[in-house]
Structures are given as C-alpha cells and as structure tokens.
Amino acid sequence: MAEEAREMAENEWRGSPLQMRSGLDPYGIEEIVIEFDNGEMDVFEPRGREEFGAYELHQMAVYVKTLAHDLRRGPKN
C-alpha cells in the first residue's frame, strides 16, 4: 500500500496552472546560470539545501526581470 501511495505521489503534478501550460516543473532545480554576451556568467545555487524553493525561484524571476528591464533601457551613460 505504501508503494502505491509513493507511485501516485510521483505521478502527481505539482506547480501552478501557469506552469502547466509550458510544462515547467520547478522541482529539482539545483543551479541557475545566466550567461551574458560578453562571456560573463552569474551562477546561483540554493543556500542551505540541494534544490531551490518556491520563494528563491520567485526572487530569481524578479532578478531576471530587472536584468531584462536594464537591457531594454540600454547602456548607462
């Protein structure tokens, strides 16, 4: 019986309805790498655990949105 419950839990989709459309599974993300055109990279790893949690992924989304906004504005003078 415990094995059946484990199989059901593994087959169960977790996430928001918005993620379901794109097929994104937010579980199991261990590292986020952002590579820029000039060859520089930002590498992010979760603190205190092996995978990113929902709040950390939300904060990464804010960071990426800020980067995109700055890139659209162009170089600073």
N, C-alpha and C. Protein backbone atom coordinates (compact mmCIF):
# COMPACT_ATOMS: atom_id res chain seq x y z
N MET A 1 0.81 -1.19 0.00
CA MET A 1 0.00 0.00 0.00
C MET A 1 0.86 1.26 0.00
N ALA A 2 1.94 1.27 0.76
CA ALA A 2 2.83 2.42 0.80
C ALA A 2 3.48 2.66 -0.56
N GLU A 3 3.78 1.56 -1.27
CA GLU A 3 4.39 1.69 -2.58
C GLU A 3 3.42 2.31 -3.58
N GLU A 4 2.13 1.95 -3.49
CA GLU A 4 1.12 2.54 -4.37
C GLU A 4 0.99 4.03 -4.11
N ALA A 5 1.01 4.42 -2.85
CA ALA A 5 0.92 5.84 -2.49
C ALA A 5 2.13 6.60 -3.03
N ARG A 6 3.30 5.99 -2.96
CA ARG A 6 4.52 6.63 -3.45
C ARG A 6 4.44 6.82 -4.97
N GLU A 7 3.94 5.80 -5.68
CA GLU A 7 3.79 5.92 -7.13
C GLU A 7 2.81 7.02 -7.51
N MET A 8 1.71 7.11 -6.77
CA MET A 8 0.73 8.16 -7.04
C MET A 8 1.34 9.54 -6.80
N ALA A 9 2.15 9.67 -5.76
CA ALA A 9 2.77 10.96 -5.46
C ALA A 9 3.78 11.33 -6.53
N GLU A 10 4.49 10.36 -7.07
CA GLU A 10 5.47 10.64 -8.12
C GLU A 10 4.80 11.06 -9.42
N ASN A 11 3.63 10.53 -9.69
CA ASN A 11 2.91 10.85 -10.93
C ASN A 11 2.10 12.13 -10.81
N GLU A 12 1.94 12.62 -9.60
CA GLU A 12 1.13 13.81 -9.37
C GLU A 12 1.91 15.06 -9.76
N TRP A 13 1.27 15.93 -10.52
CA TRP A 13 1.93 17.15 -10.96
C TRP A 13 1.83 18.19 -9.87
N ARG A 14 2.94 18.90 -9.59
CA ARG A 14 2.97 19.96 -8.59
C ARG A 14 3.39 21.24 -9.26
N GLY A 15 2.73 22.32 -8.96
CA GLY A 15 3.06 23.62 -9.54
C GLY A 15 1.80 24.45 -9.72
N SER A 16 1.95 25.56 -10.39
CA SER A 16 0.80 26.43 -10.62
C SER A 16 0.20 26.13 -12.00
N PRO A 17 -1.05 26.54 -12.20
CA PRO A 17 -1.66 26.34 -13.52
C PRO A 17 -0.89 27.04 -14.64
N LEU A 18 -0.23 28.15 -14.35
CA LEU A 18 0.54 28.83 -15.38
C LEU A 18 1.73 27.99 -15.84
N GLN A 19 2.33 27.25 -14.93
CA GLN A 19 3.46 26.41 -15.28
C GLN A 19 3.03 25.18 -16.06
N MET A 20 1.81 24.72 -15.85
CA MET A 20 1.33 23.52 -16.51
C MET A 20 1.33 23.70 -18.03
N ARG A 21 0.96 24.87 -18.50
CA ARG A 21 0.87 25.10 -19.94
C ARG A 21 2.24 24.99 -20.61
N SER A 22 3.28 25.48 -19.94
CA SER A 22 4.62 25.44 -20.55
C SER A 22 5.38 24.17 -20.22
N GLY A 23 4.82 23.34 -19.34
CA GLY A 23 5.48 22.09 -18.99
C GLY A 23 6.62 22.27 -18.00
N LEU A 24 6.70 23.40 -17.32
CA LEU A 24 7.78 23.66 -16.38
C LEU A 24 7.55 22.92 -15.08
N ASP A 25 8.53 22.19 -14.63
CA ASP A 25 8.48 21.53 -13.33
C ASP A 25 9.51 22.22 -12.46
N PRO A 26 9.09 23.01 -11.46
CA PRO A 26 10.03 23.79 -10.67
C PRO A 26 10.82 22.98 -9.65
N TYR A 27 10.56 21.70 -9.52
CA TYR A 27 11.26 20.89 -8.53
C TYR A 27 12.53 20.32 -9.14
N GLY A 28 13.56 20.25 -8.34
CA GLY A 28 14.80 19.65 -8.79
C GLY A 28 15.80 20.63 -9.38
N ILE A 29 15.53 21.94 -9.29
CA ILE A 29 16.46 22.94 -9.83
C ILE A 29 17.58 23.14 -8.81
N GLU A 30 18.78 22.79 -9.19
CA GLU A 30 19.93 22.85 -8.28
C GLU A 30 20.85 24.01 -8.58
N GLU A 31 20.75 24.58 -9.77
CA GLU A 31 21.66 25.67 -10.15
C GLU A 31 21.00 26.48 -11.26
N ILE A 32 21.21 27.79 -11.21
CA ILE A 32 20.73 28.69 -12.26
C ILE A 32 21.93 29.44 -12.79
N VAL A 33 22.13 29.38 -14.10
CA VAL A 33 23.27 30.04 -14.74
C VAL A 33 22.74 31.03 -15.76
N ILE A 34 23.18 32.28 -15.64
CA ILE A 34 22.83 33.32 -16.61
C ILE A 34 24.13 33.72 -17.30
N GLU A 35 24.19 33.49 -18.61
CA GLU A 35 25.40 33.81 -19.37
C GLU A 35 25.13 35.05 -20.22
N PHE A 36 26.02 36.01 -20.13
CA PHE A 36 25.88 37.25 -20.87
C PHE A 36 26.67 37.20 -22.17
N ASP A 37 26.35 38.10 -23.09
CA ASP A 37 27.01 38.13 -24.40
C ASP A 37 28.52 38.32 -24.31
N ASN A 38 28.98 39.02 -23.28
CA ASN A 38 30.42 39.28 -23.15
C ASN A 38 31.17 38.12 -22.51
N GLY A 39 30.50 37.00 -22.26
CA GLY A 39 31.15 35.83 -21.71
C GLY A 39 31.06 35.71 -20.20
N GLU A 40 30.64 36.77 -19.52
CA GLU A 40 30.49 36.71 -18.07
C GLU A 40 29.28 35.85 -17.72
N MET A 41 29.33 35.27 -16.52
CA MET A 41 28.22 34.43 -16.07
C MET A 41 27.87 34.76 -14.62
N ASP A 42 26.59 34.66 -14.31
CA ASP A 42 26.11 34.68 -12.94
C ASP A 42 25.63 33.27 -12.64
N VAL A 43 26.18 32.66 -11.59
CA VAL A 43 25.79 31.31 -11.20
C VAL A 43 25.16 31.39 -9.81
N PHE A 44 23.97 30.85 -9.68
CA PHE A 44 23.25 30.87 -8.42
C PHE A 44 22.98 29.45 -7.97
N GLU A 45 23.23 29.19 -6.68
CA GLU A 45 22.93 27.91 -6.07
C GLU A 45 22.11 28.17 -4.82
N PRO A 46 21.22 27.26 -4.46
CA PRO A 46 20.40 27.47 -3.27
C PRO A 46 21.25 27.43 -2.00
N ARG A 47 20.85 28.20 -1.02
CA ARG A 47 21.55 28.22 0.26
C ARG A 47 20.86 27.27 1.23
N GLY A 48 21.65 26.45 1.87
CA GLY A 48 21.12 25.60 2.93
C GLY A 48 20.35 24.37 2.49
N ARG A 49 20.27 24.10 1.21
CA ARG A 49 19.61 22.88 0.72
C ARG A 49 20.12 22.55 -0.67
N GLU A 50 19.66 21.44 -1.21
CA GLU A 50 20.16 20.99 -2.51
C GLU A 50 19.41 21.59 -3.68
N GLU A 51 18.13 21.97 -3.47
CA GLU A 51 17.30 22.47 -4.56
C GLU A 51 16.71 23.83 -4.18
N PHE A 52 16.39 24.62 -5.19
CA PHE A 52 15.73 25.89 -4.96
C PHE A 52 14.30 25.67 -4.48
N GLY A 53 13.87 26.51 -3.56
CA GLY A 53 12.49 26.51 -3.11
C GLY A 53 11.68 27.52 -3.91
N ALA A 54 10.38 27.55 -3.68
CA ALA A 54 9.49 28.42 -4.44
C ALA A 54 9.85 29.90 -4.24
N TYR A 55 10.15 30.31 -3.01
CA TYR A 55 10.46 31.71 -2.76
C TYR A 55 11.75 32.13 -3.47
N GLU A 56 12.76 31.26 -3.42
CA GLU A 56 14.02 31.56 -4.10
C GLU A 56 13.82 31.68 -5.61
N LEU A 57 12.99 30.82 -6.18
CA LEU A 57 12.72 30.89 -7.62
C LEU A 57 11.96 32.17 -7.96
N HIS A 58 11.07 32.58 -7.06
CA HIS A 58 10.36 33.85 -7.26
C HIS A 58 11.35 35.01 -7.26
N GLN A 59 12.29 35.00 -6.34
CA GLN A 59 13.29 36.05 -6.27
C GLN A 59 14.19 36.04 -7.52
N MET A 60 14.50 34.87 -8.05
CA MET A 60 15.27 34.79 -9.29
C MET A 60 14.49 35.39 -10.45
N ALA A 61 13.19 35.18 -10.47
CA ALA A 61 12.36 35.77 -11.52
C ALA A 61 12.39 37.29 -11.44
N VAL A 62 12.38 37.83 -10.24
CA VAL A 62 12.48 39.29 -10.06
C VAL A 62 13.83 39.78 -10.57
N TYR A 63 14.90 39.04 -10.27
CA TYR A 63 16.24 39.41 -10.72
C TYR A 63 16.33 39.40 -12.25
N VAL A 64 15.79 38.37 -12.88
CA VAL A 64 15.82 38.27 -14.35
C VAL A 64 14.98 39.39 -14.96
N LYS A 65 13.86 39.70 -14.35
CA LYS A 65 13.02 40.80 -14.85
C LYS A 65 13.76 42.12 -14.76
N THR A 66 14.50 42.34 -13.69
CA THR A 66 15.30 43.56 -13.53
C THR A 66 16.40 43.62 -14.57
N LEU A 67 17.07 42.49 -14.82
CA LEU A 67 18.11 42.45 -15.86
C LEU A 67 17.53 42.80 -17.22
N ALA A 68 16.39 42.21 -17.54
CA ALA A 68 15.75 42.46 -18.84
C ALA A 68 15.38 43.93 -18.97
N HIS A 69 14.87 44.53 -17.91
CA HIS A 69 14.50 45.94 -17.94
C HIS A 69 15.73 46.81 -18.19
N ASP A 70 16.82 46.52 -17.49
CA ASP A 70 18.06 47.28 -17.68
C ASP A 70 18.61 47.13 -19.10
N LEU A 71 18.50 45.93 -19.66
CA LEU A 71 19.00 45.70 -21.01
C LEU A 71 18.16 46.46 -22.05
N ARG A 72 16.86 46.53 -21.81
CA ARG A 72 15.99 47.29 -22.73
C ARG A 72 16.28 48.78 -22.70
N ARG A 73 16.68 49.29 -21.54
CA ARG A 73 16.98 50.71 -21.40
C ARG A 73 18.28 51.08 -22.11
N GLY A 74 19.15 50.12 -22.30
CA GLY A 74 20.41 50.38 -22.99
C GLY A 74 21.53 50.70 -22.02
N PRO A 75 22.72 51.02 -22.56
CA PRO A 75 23.88 51.28 -21.69
C PRO A 75 23.70 52.56 -20.89
N LYS A 76 24.27 52.53 -19.68
CA LYS A 76 24.21 53.72 -18.81
C LYS A 76 25.32 54.68 -19.21
N ASN A 77 24.99 55.94 -19.23
CA ASN A 77 25.98 56.96 -19.58
C ASN A 77 26.55 57.63 -18.37
